[in-house]
Amino acid sequence: MWTLEVYPFAMHQLPAAYQNYLASQDQHVIDAVRPVLLQSAADQRHGVRITYNRGPTGHQAHLDESVPYGEIVEDID
């Protein structure tokens, strides 16, 4: 669980979809995607696309202007 001391910019409430996604993931996935979810919550303009790569990179997330704010789209890369 992150704290405001570690992420001082995390004062924005995460949308329910983001919270639900994080609650259902292992810690390594949370660590990989949480910074992008926080960035999305801070600017509140775009949603997040999360891809899973079977190689060494695993889960990756990025802001996606085609995804509405507060939503997550998952893809396999």
PDB file of N, CA and C in Angstrom:
ATOM      1  N   MET A   1       0.843  -1.174   0.000  1.00  0.00           N
ATOM      2  CA  MET A   1       0.000   0.000   0.000  1.00  0.00           C
ATOM      3  C   MET A   1       0.889   1.239   0.000  1.00  0.00           C
ATOM      4  N   TRP A   2       0.598   2.192  -0.844  1.00  0.00           N
ATOM      5  CA  TRP A   2       1.408   3.406  -0.918  1.00  0.00           C
ATOM      6  C   TRP A   2       0.963   4.407   0.133  1.00  0.00           C
ATOM      7  N   THR A   3       1.850   5.295   0.469  1.00  0.00           N
ATOM      8  CA  THR A   3       1.534   6.339   1.438  1.00  0.00           C
ATOM      9  C   THR A   3       1.825   7.692   0.827  1.00  0.00           C
ATOM     10  N   LEU A   4       1.274   8.722   1.420  1.00  0.00           N
ATOM     11  CA  LEU A   4       1.511  10.066   0.911  1.00  0.00           C
ATOM     12  C   LEU A   4       2.959  10.482   1.065  1.00  0.00           C
ATOM     13  N   GLU A   5       3.681   9.890   2.009  1.00  0.00           N
ATOM     14  CA  GLU A   5       5.092  10.209   2.165  1.00  0.00           C
ATOM     15  C   GLU A   5       5.893   9.719   0.956  1.00  0.00           C
ATOM     16  N   VAL A   6       5.505   8.567   0.418  1.00  0.00           N
ATOM     17  CA  VAL A   6       6.205   8.003  -0.726  1.00  0.00           C
ATOM     18  C   VAL A   6       5.737   8.651  -2.017  1.00  0.00           C
ATOM     19  N   TYR A   7       4.446   8.907  -2.139  1.00  0.00           N
ATOM     20  CA  TYR A   7       3.856   9.502  -3.336  1.00  0.00           C
ATOM     21  C   TYR A   7       3.117  10.783  -2.948  1.00  0.00           C
ATOM     22  N   PRO A   8       3.827  11.887  -2.728  1.00  0.00           N
ATOM     23  CA  PRO A   8       3.164  13.094  -2.273  1.00  0.00           C
ATOM     24  C   PRO A   8       2.165  13.646  -3.283  1.00  0.00           C
ATOM     25  N   PHE A   9       2.276  13.291  -4.562  1.00  0.00           N
ATOM     26  CA  PHE A   9       1.364  13.772  -5.580  1.00  0.00           C
ATOM     27  C   PHE A   9       0.100  12.923  -5.650  1.00  0.00           C
ATOM     28  N   ALA A  10      -0.017  11.925  -4.792  1.00  0.00           N
ATOM     29  CA  ALA A  10      -1.118  10.961  -4.868  1.00  0.00           C
ATOM     30  C   ALA A  10      -2.341  11.395  -4.076  1.00  0.00           C
ATOM     31  N   MET A  11      -2.546  12.678  -3.943  1.00  0.00           N
ATOM     32  CA  MET A  11      -3.669  13.158  -3.159  1.00  0.00           C
ATOM     33  C   MET A  11      -4.990  13.038  -3.908  1.00  0.00           C
ATOM     34  N   HIS A  12      -4.943  12.793  -5.211  1.00  0.00           N
ATOM     35  CA  HIS A  12      -6.157  12.630  -5.984  1.00  0.00           C
ATOM     36  C   HIS A  12      -6.773  11.264  -5.695  1.00  0.00           C
ATOM     37  N   GLN A  13      -8.084  11.250  -5.560  1.00  0.00           N
ATOM     38  CA  GLN A  13      -8.801   9.991  -5.370  1.00  0.00           C
ATOM     39  C   GLN A  13      -8.762   9.204  -6.670  1.00  0.00           C
ATOM     40  N   LEU A  14      -8.409   7.941  -6.591  1.00  0.00           N
ATOM     41  CA  LEU A  14      -8.420   7.103  -7.786  1.00  0.00           C
ATOM     42  C   LEU A  14      -9.854   6.717  -8.128  1.00  0.00           C
ATOM     43  N   PRO A  15     -10.207   6.718  -9.410  1.00  0.00           N
ATOM     44  CA  PRO A  15     -11.541   6.258  -9.807  1.00  0.00           C
ATOM     45  C   PRO A  15     -11.773   4.823  -9.350  1.00  0.00           C
ATOM     46  N   ALA A  16     -13.020   4.455  -9.188  1.00  0.00           N
ATOM     47  CA  ALA A  16     -13.374   3.123  -8.694  1.00  0.00           C
ATOM     48  C   ALA A  16     -12.777   2.019  -9.559  1.00  0.00           C
ATOM     49  N   ALA A  17     -12.782   2.191 -10.880  1.00  0.00           N
ATOM     50  CA  ALA A  17     -12.226   1.162 -11.764  1.00  0.00           C
ATOM     51  C   ALA A  17     -10.742   0.941 -11.490  1.00  0.00           C
ATOM     52  N   TYR A  18     -10.019   2.016 -11.189  1.00  0.00           N
ATOM     53  CA  TYR A  18      -8.587   1.903 -10.899  1.00  0.00           C
ATOM     54  C   TYR A  18      -8.384   1.182  -9.567  1.00  0.00           C
ATOM     55  N   GLN A  19      -9.169   1.564  -8.562  1.00  0.00           N
ATOM     56  CA  GLN A  19      -9.063   0.924  -7.255  1.00  0.00           C
ATOM     57  C   GLN A  19      -9.386  -0.560  -7.349  1.00  0.00           C
ATOM     58  N   ASN A  20     -10.441  -0.895  -8.094  1.00  0.00           N
ATOM     59  CA  ASN A  20     -10.827  -2.302  -8.249  1.00  0.00           C
ATOM     60  C   ASN A  20      -9.752  -3.086  -8.978  1.00  0.00           C
ATOM     61  N   TYR A  21      -9.148  -2.490  -9.996  1.00  0.00           N
ATOM     62  CA  TYR A  21      -8.082  -3.175 -10.730  1.00  0.00           C
ATOM     63  C   TYR A  21      -6.910  -3.464  -9.802  1.00  0.00           C
ATOM     64  N   LEU A  22      -6.476  -2.453  -9.050  1.00  0.00           N
ATOM     65  CA  LEU A  22      -5.339  -2.649  -8.147  1.00  0.00           C
ATOM     66  C   LEU A  22      -5.637  -3.698  -7.084  1.00  0.00           C
ATOM     67  N   ALA A  23      -6.869  -3.717  -6.595  1.00  0.00           N
ATOM     68  CA  ALA A  23      -7.242  -4.659  -5.539  1.00  0.00           C
ATOM     69  C   ALA A  23      -7.186  -6.110  -6.008  1.00  0.00           C
ATOM     70  N   SER A  24      -7.267  -6.313  -7.324  1.00  0.00           N
ATOM     71  CA  SER A  24      -7.296  -7.684  -7.834  1.00  0.00           C
ATOM     72  C   SER A  24      -5.954  -8.149  -8.393  1.00  0.00           C
ATOM     73  N   GLN A  25      -4.887  -7.364  -8.182  1.00  0.00           N
ATOM     74  CA  GLN A  25      -3.596  -7.675  -8.794  1.00  0.00           C
ATOM     75  C   GLN A  25      -2.538  -8.057  -7.760  1.00  0.00           C
ATOM     76  N   ASP A  26      -1.508  -8.760  -8.247  1.00  0.00           N
ATOM     77  CA  ASP A  26      -0.341  -9.068  -7.434  1.00  0.00           C
ATOM     78  C   ASP A  26       0.499  -7.800  -7.275  1.00  0.00           C
ATOM     79  N   GLN A  27       1.371  -7.793  -6.291  1.00  0.00           N
ATOM     80  CA  GLN A  27       2.165  -6.608  -5.994  1.00  0.00           C
ATOM     81  C   GLN A  27       3.046  -6.173  -7.173  1.00  0.00           C
ATOM     82  N   HIS A  28       3.611  -7.118  -7.926  1.00  0.00           N
ATOM     83  CA  HIS A  28       4.481  -6.718  -9.044  1.00  0.00           C
ATOM     84  C   HIS A  28       3.687  -5.982 -10.131  1.00  0.00           C
ATOM     85  N   VAL A  29       2.434  -6.371 -10.355  1.00  0.00           N
ATOM     86  CA  VAL A  29       1.589  -5.661 -11.320  1.00  0.00           C
ATOM     87  C   VAL A  29       1.235  -4.285 -10.773  1.00  0.00           C
ATOM     88  N   ILE A  30       0.885  -4.215  -9.510  1.00  0.00           N
ATOM     89  CA  ILE A  30       0.553  -2.930  -8.886  1.00  0.00           C
ATOM     90  C   ILE A  30       1.723  -1.972  -9.021  1.00  0.00           C
ATOM     91  N   ASP A  31       2.920  -2.446  -8.721  1.00  0.00           N
ATOM     92  CA  ASP A  31       4.107  -1.593  -8.816  1.00  0.00           C
ATOM     93  C   ASP A  31       4.340  -1.097 -10.242  1.00  0.00           C
ATOM     94  N   ALA A  32       3.989  -1.912 -11.229  1.00  0.00           N
ATOM     95  CA  ALA A  32       4.214  -1.545 -12.627  1.00  0.00           C
ATOM     96  C   ALA A  32       3.200  -0.530 -13.139  1.00  0.00           C
ATOM     97  N   VAL A  33       1.945  -0.620 -12.708  1.00  0.00           N
ATOM     98  CA  VAL A  33       0.903   0.222 -13.307  1.00  0.00           C
ATOM     99  C   VAL A  33       0.455   1.399 -12.445  1.00  0.00           C
ATOM    100  N   ARG A  34       0.696   1.334 -11.147  1.00  0.00           N
ATOM    101  CA  ARG A  34       0.206   2.389 -10.249  1.00  0.00           C
ATOM    102  C   ARG A  34       0.669   3.791 -10.635  1.00  0.00           C
ATOM    103  N   PRO A  35       1.926   4.005 -11.029  1.00  0.00           N
ATOM    104  CA  PRO A  35       2.323   5.377 -11.390  1.00  0.00           C
ATOM    105  C   PRO A  35       1.488   5.968 -12.529  1.00  0.00           C
ATOM    106  N   VAL A  36       1.105   5.142 -13.486  1.00  0.00           N
ATOM    107  CA  VAL A  36       0.306   5.642 -14.606  1.00  0.00           C
ATOM    108  C   VAL A  36      -1.134   5.908 -14.152  1.00  0.00           C
ATOM    109  N   LEU A  37      -1.669   5.066 -13.280  1.00  0.00           N
ATOM    110  CA  LEU A  37      -3.008   5.323 -12.746  1.00  0.00           C
ATOM    111  C   LEU A  37      -3.026   6.633 -11.962  1.00  0.00           C
ATOM    112  N   LEU A  38      -1.981   6.883 -11.193  1.00  0.00           N
ATOM    113  CA  LEU A  38      -1.889   8.136 -10.443  1.00  0.00           C
ATOM    114  C   LEU A  38      -1.771   9.329 -11.384  1.00  0.00           C
ATOM    115  N   GLN A  39      -1.015   9.170 -12.454  1.00  0.00           N
ATOM    116  CA  GLN A  39      -0.877  10.245 -13.438  1.00  0.00           C
ATOM    117  C   GLN A  39      -2.227  10.541 -14.089  1.00  0.00           C
ATOM    118  N   SER A  40      -2.957   9.503 -14.442  1.00  0.00           N
ATOM    119  CA  SER A  40      -4.278   9.674 -15.032  1.00  0.00           C
ATOM    120  C   SER A  40      -5.211  10.391 -14.068  1.00  0.00           C
ATOM    121  N   ALA A  41      -5.189  10.005 -12.795  1.00  0.00           N
ATOM    122  CA  ALA A  41      -6.043  10.639 -11.796  1.00  0.00           C
ATOM    123  C   ALA A  41      -5.659  12.094 -11.583  1.00  0.00           C
ATOM    124  N   ALA A  42      -4.391  12.406 -11.731  1.00  0.00           N
ATOM    125  CA  ALA A  42      -3.938  13.784 -11.528  1.00  0.00           C
ATOM    126  C   ALA A  42      -4.421  14.708 -12.644  1.00  0.00           C
ATOM    127  N   ASP A  43      -4.365  14.235 -13.898  1.00  0.00           N
ATOM    128  CA  ASP A  43      -4.774  15.132 -14.991  1.00  0.00           C
ATOM    129  C   ASP A  43      -6.242  14.947 -15.395  1.00  0.00           C
ATOM    130  N   GLN A  44      -6.841  13.807 -15.078  1.00  0.00           N
ATOM    131  CA  GLN A  44      -8.251  13.515 -15.322  1.00  0.00           C
ATOM    132  C   GLN A  44      -8.679  13.773 -16.771  1.00  0.00           C
ATOM    133  N   ARG A  45      -7.793  13.437 -17.715  1.00  0.00           N
ATOM    134  CA  ARG A  45      -8.109  13.651 -19.129  1.00  0.00           C
ATOM    135  C   ARG A  45      -8.211  12.355 -19.923  1.00  0.00           C
ATOM    136  N   HIS A  46      -7.412  11.355 -19.576  1.00  0.00           N
ATOM    137  CA  HIS A  46      -7.364  10.129 -20.358  1.00  0.00           C
ATOM    138  C   HIS A  46      -7.406   8.913 -19.441  1.00  0.00           C
ATOM    139  N   GLY A  47      -7.906   7.817 -20.004  1.00  0.00           N
ATOM    140  CA  GLY A  47      -7.889   6.553 -19.298  1.00  0.00           C
ATOM    141  C   GLY A  47      -6.550   5.861 -19.491  1.00  0.00           C
ATOM    142  N   VAL A  48      -6.503   4.592 -19.118  1.00  0.00           N
ATOM    143  CA  VAL A  48      -5.242   3.857 -19.098  1.00  0.00           C
ATOM    144  C   VAL A  48      -5.385   2.561 -19.893  1.00  0.00           C
ATOM    145  N   ARG A  49      -4.394   2.279 -20.710  1.00  0.00           N
ATOM    146  CA  ARG A  49      -4.293   0.997 -21.414  1.00  0.00           C
ATOM    147  C   ARG A  49      -3.171   0.207 -20.754  1.00  0.00           C
ATOM    148  N   ILE A  50      -3.494  -1.010 -20.342  1.00  0.00           N
ATOM    149  CA  ILE A  50      -2.518  -1.891 -19.705  1.00  0.00           C
ATOM    150  C   ILE A  50      -2.300  -3.072 -20.627  1.00  0.00           C
ATOM    151  N   THR A  51      -1.040  -3.310 -20.955  1.00  0.00           N
ATOM    152  CA  THR A  51      -0.701  -4.439 -21.813  1.00  0.00           C
ATOM    153  C   THR A  51       0.102  -5.457 -21.019  1.00  0.00           C
ATOM    154  N   TYR A  52      -0.086  -6.710 -21.393  1.00  0.00           N
ATOM    155  CA  TYR A  52       0.692  -7.781 -20.802  1.00  0.00           C
ATOM    156  C   TYR A  52       1.574  -8.367 -21.887  1.00  0.00           C
ATOM    157  N   ASN A  53       2.862  -8.321 -21.647  1.00  0.00           N
ATOM    158  CA  ASN A  53       3.840  -8.893 -22.561  1.00  0.00           C
ATOM    159  C   ASN A  53       4.376 -10.168 -21.934  1.00  0.00           C
ATOM    160  N   ARG A  54       4.370 -11.233 -22.654  1.00  0.00           N
ATOM    161  CA  ARG A  54       4.823 -12.521 -22.106  1.00  0.00           C
ATOM    162  C   ARG A  54       6.317 -12.552 -21.837  1.00  0.00           C
ATOM    163  N   GLY A  55       7.044 -11.599 -22.349  1.00  0.00           N
ATOM    164  CA  GLY A  55       8.486 -11.549 -22.143  1.00  0.00           C
ATOM    165  C   GLY A  55       8.841 -10.984 -20.780  1.00  0.00           C
ATOM    166  N   PRO A  56      10.066 -10.506 -20.639  1.00  0.00           N
ATOM    167  CA  PRO A  56      10.557 -10.035 -19.344  1.00  0.00           C
ATOM    168  C   PRO A  56       9.920  -8.733 -18.870  1.00  0.00           C
ATOM    169  N   THR A  57       9.238  -7.999 -19.754  1.00  0.00           N
ATOM    170  CA  THR A  57       8.677  -6.713 -19.332  1.00  0.00           C
ATOM    171  C   THR A  57       7.373  -6.850 -18.573  1.00  0.00           C
ATOM    172  N   GLY A  58       6.637  -7.926 -18.755  1.00  0.00           N
ATOM    173  CA  GLY A  58       5.401  -8.142 -18.006  1.00  0.00           C
ATOM    174  C   GLY A  58       4.345  -7.108 -18.305  1.00  0.00           C
ATOM    175  N   HIS A  59       3.733  -6.552 -17.279  1.00  0.00           N
ATOM    176  CA  HIS A  59       2.676  -5.566 -17.434  1.00  0.00           C
ATOM    177  C   HIS A  59       3.262  -4.176 -17.655  1.00  0.00           C
ATOM    178  N   GLN A  60       2.649  -3.461 -18.584  1.00  0.00           N
ATOM    179  CA  GLN A  60       3.016  -2.069 -18.831  1.00  0.00           C
ATOM    180  C   GLN A  60       1.732  -1.264 -18.971  1.00  0.00           C
ATOM    181  N   ALA A  61       1.771  -0.018 -18.545  1.00  0.00           N
ATOM    182  CA  ALA A  61       0.603   0.845 -18.632  1.00  0.00           C
ATOM    183  C   ALA A  61       0.994   2.179 -19.252  1.00  0.00           C
ATOM    184  N   HIS A  62       0.044   2.766 -19.959  1.00  0.00           N
ATOM    185  CA  HIS A  62       0.251   4.110 -20.491  1.00  0.00           C
ATOM    186  C   HIS A  62      -1.090   4.814 -20.619  1.00  0.00           C
ATOM    187  N   LEU A  63      -1.042   6.148 -20.569  1.00  0.00           N
ATOM    188  CA  LEU A  63      -2.243   6.934 -20.797  1.00  0.00           C
ATOM    189  C   LEU A  63      -2.659   6.745 -22.244  1.00  0.00           C
ATOM    190  N   ASP A  64      -3.956   6.668 -22.481  1.00  0.00           N
ATOM    191  CA  ASP A  64      -4.459   6.451 -23.835  1.00  0.00           C
ATOM    192  C   ASP A  64      -5.623   7.403 -24.065  1.00  0.00           C
ATOM    193  N   GLU A  65      -5.447   8.314 -25.009  1.00  0.00           N
ATOM    194  CA  GLU A  65      -6.487   9.315 -25.255  1.00  0.00           C
ATOM    195  C   GLU A  65      -7.758   8.705 -25.842  1.00  0.00           C
ATOM    196  N   SER A  66      -7.705   7.467 -26.342  1.00  0.00           N
ATOM    197  CA  SER A  66      -8.907   6.816 -26.860  1.00  0.00           C
ATOM    198  C   SER A  66      -9.716   6.125 -25.756  1.00  0.00           C
ATOM    199  N   VAL A  67      -9.162   6.065 -24.548  1.00  0.00           N
ATOM    200  CA  VAL A  67      -9.846   5.459 -23.406  1.00  0.00           C
ATOM    201  C   VAL A  67     -10.356   6.595 -22.514  1.00  0.00           C
ATOM    202  N   PRO A  68     -11.657   6.616 -22.212  1.00  0.00           N
ATOM    203  CA  PRO A  68     -12.190   7.686 -21.360  1.00  0.00           C
ATOM    204  C   PRO A  68     -11.549   7.667 -19.971  1.00  0.00           C
ATOM    205  N   TYR A  69     -11.408   8.851 -19.393  1.00  0.00           N
ATOM    206  CA  TYR A  69     -10.856   8.967 -18.043  1.00  0.00           C
ATOM    207  C   TYR A  69     -11.637   8.070 -17.093  1.00  0.00           C
ATOM    208  N   GLY A  70     -10.923   7.386 -16.218  1.00  0.00           N
ATOM    209  CA  GLY A  70     -11.528   6.544 -15.205  1.00  0.00           C
ATOM    210  C   GLY A  70     -11.726   5.110 -15.652  1.00  0.00           C
ATOM    211  N   GLU A  71     -11.361   4.822 -16.899  1.00  0.00           N
ATOM    212  CA  GLU A  71     -11.511   3.454 -17.411  1.00  0.00           C
ATOM    213  C   GLU A  71     -10.156   2.849 -17.727  1.00  0.00           C
ATOM    214  N   ILE A  72     -10.103   1.519 -17.672  1.00  0.00           N
ATOM    215  CA  ILE A  72      -8.898   0.749 -17.998  1.00  0.00           C
ATOM    216  C   ILE A  72      -9.251  -0.220 -19.115  1.00  0.00           C
ATOM    217  N   VAL A  73      -8.378  -0.307 -20.086  1.00  0.00           N
ATOM    218  CA  VAL A  73      -8.491  -1.299 -21.148  1.00  0.00           C
ATOM    219  C   VAL A  73      -7.264  -2.184 -21.051  1.00  0.00           C
ATOM    220  N   GLU A  74      -7.482  -3.504 -21.059  1.00  0.00           N
ATOM    221  CA  GLU A  74      -6.357  -4.453 -21.014  1.00  0.00           C
ATOM    222  C   GLU A  74      -6.179  -5.091 -22.379  1.00  0.00           C
ATOM    223  N   ASP A  75      -4.905  -5.231 -22.780  1.00  0.00           N
ATOM    224  CA  ASP A  75      -4.550  -5.868 -24.036  1.00  0.00           C
ATOM    225  C   ASP A  75      -3.396  -6.839 -23.790  1.00  0.00           C
ATOM    226  N   ILE A  76      -3.279  -7.807 -24.673  1.00  0.00           N
ATOM    227  CA  ILE A  76      -2.109  -8.684 -24.675  1.00  0.00           C
ATOM    228  C   ILE A  76      -1.249  -8.236 -25.846  1.00  0.00           C
ATOM    229  N   ASP A  77       0.005  -7.949 -25.571  1.00  0.00           N
ATOM    230  CA  ASP A  77       0.900  -7.457 -26.605  1.00  0.00           C
ATOM    231  C   ASP A  77       1.709  -8.580 -27.184  1.00  0.00           C
TER     232      ASP A  77
END
